[in-house]
Amino acid sequence: MDLARIQEALRRENLDGWLFFDHHQRDPLAYRVLGFQPHRHVTRRWYYMIPADGEPVGIVHRIESGILNSTPGTKIPYSSWREQHAALEKVLKGKHRIAMQYSPGCAVPYVAMVDAGTVELVRSYGVDIVTSSELIQEFEACLTDAQFESHMEAGRIVDRVREGAFYLIRERLATGIDEITVRDWVLEEFRKAGLSTDSGPIVGVNAHAGDPHYEPMPETNAPIHPGDVVLLDMWAKLDRPGAVYYDITWTGFCGDAPDHVRNVFEIVRGARDAAIEKVTTAIAAGDDLRGYQVDDACRAFIQASGYGDKFVHRTGHSIGEEVHGTGANMDNLETHDERRVLPGALFSVEPGIYLPEFGIRSEINMFVSKEKAIVTGAIQRDLVRI
């Protein structure tokens, strides 16, 4: 935990403090920001207040009194609920505006970790609670140099596996191949290359490619034939602590794609490129960029092409040690994400058009520094001809 940097951020945001709370390890963000892991299961509530100035203070149950020992500051022990409330009142005294892992209207569910009852309890002491969403992304979702390099290394491997997967389909198209065969081949290549993934990949043929979160199962497994659309969505990271995901989607066609398929791909490609242009231009100009603005730029392109109702998800998501990270999402559909796109942010741009007979999605990853924004891997310019 970088206490000085956290306190500097609190002062910058005109906050009196940041109150962390956990019970039964419900808030993984708290442990990551504070920089420790409990040495055993957490069965009692703990609180940890970082003030804008001065020494942090923790509140711990006596039977788990060492839970916050690795963090700086004094600790107030409690056993009864009366002692707990008295300690909380003491810690909050003089505080008027504090941050917690709370999201008004659950607009940013990734940071909505504190239960409503605890929010009510803290508010009962006359404290105004604001969301910690901006703080979380600053201290949790902005990559270190080492994390960025882990993303880039994973990306080189995943791009190579993606090329191999399309080649595999091409080689076996005449003799027979199906979605699960491709999926299992990708997972084995990941394993051999030292990558790990939490799920997937998505291998979707025709109508299955029109389902944004389709995953092949024995009961849905489809063969791949000439004349089919094939969508590959794969994400993985180096199998080591602190590694960051790389997450891409490419689409191909088994043979020469007909005009209507090619037209949909070109619209998706144009929307993706509009989002890339929005990000790169804003960052280069030093403009304040918000997640919803990227979604607007991307979605407007698809809407102008007449497929607005077929683009049914946000433009992109934050990427970190989890494939769906805790930073700003490129979203003005599922949520109105007003969070800033900060230096160190990594996120996907992945517009898609989903029709009953097929779907097209094109996904790249973008990384933002103080001076510029880049696409971190290969960019699909044309449908892959399988």
Foldseek 3Di string as FASTA:
>chain_A
DPLLVLLVVCVVVVFQWAKEKDAQPLDPLVCQLQPHDFPDGGHDMKMWIRGSDDWIEMEEEPVPQCRCVVGTDYYHYDHDPVSVLVVLLVRCPPGAEYEYLCDVVCLQVSSHRDDPVVVVSNCVSNHHYDYCLQVSCVRPFFDDPVQVVQALVQQVQLVVLVVVLVVVCVVCQVVWDKQVNSWVSSVVSCVVVQKDAPDDWAKAKWQRQLDVPDHDDPVRIDIDHAFIKIKTWDKITHPDPFHWMFIWMAIAHAADHDPVVQVQQVLQLVLLVQLVCVQFVCLQVQHWDWLQVSQVRSLVSCVVVPQNVQFQAGQKAWITNHRRDSHGHNDDDSHNTGHTQDQRTKMKGWTKGRDNGHIGITIFMWHHHNNGIDTSHDGDDGHHHD
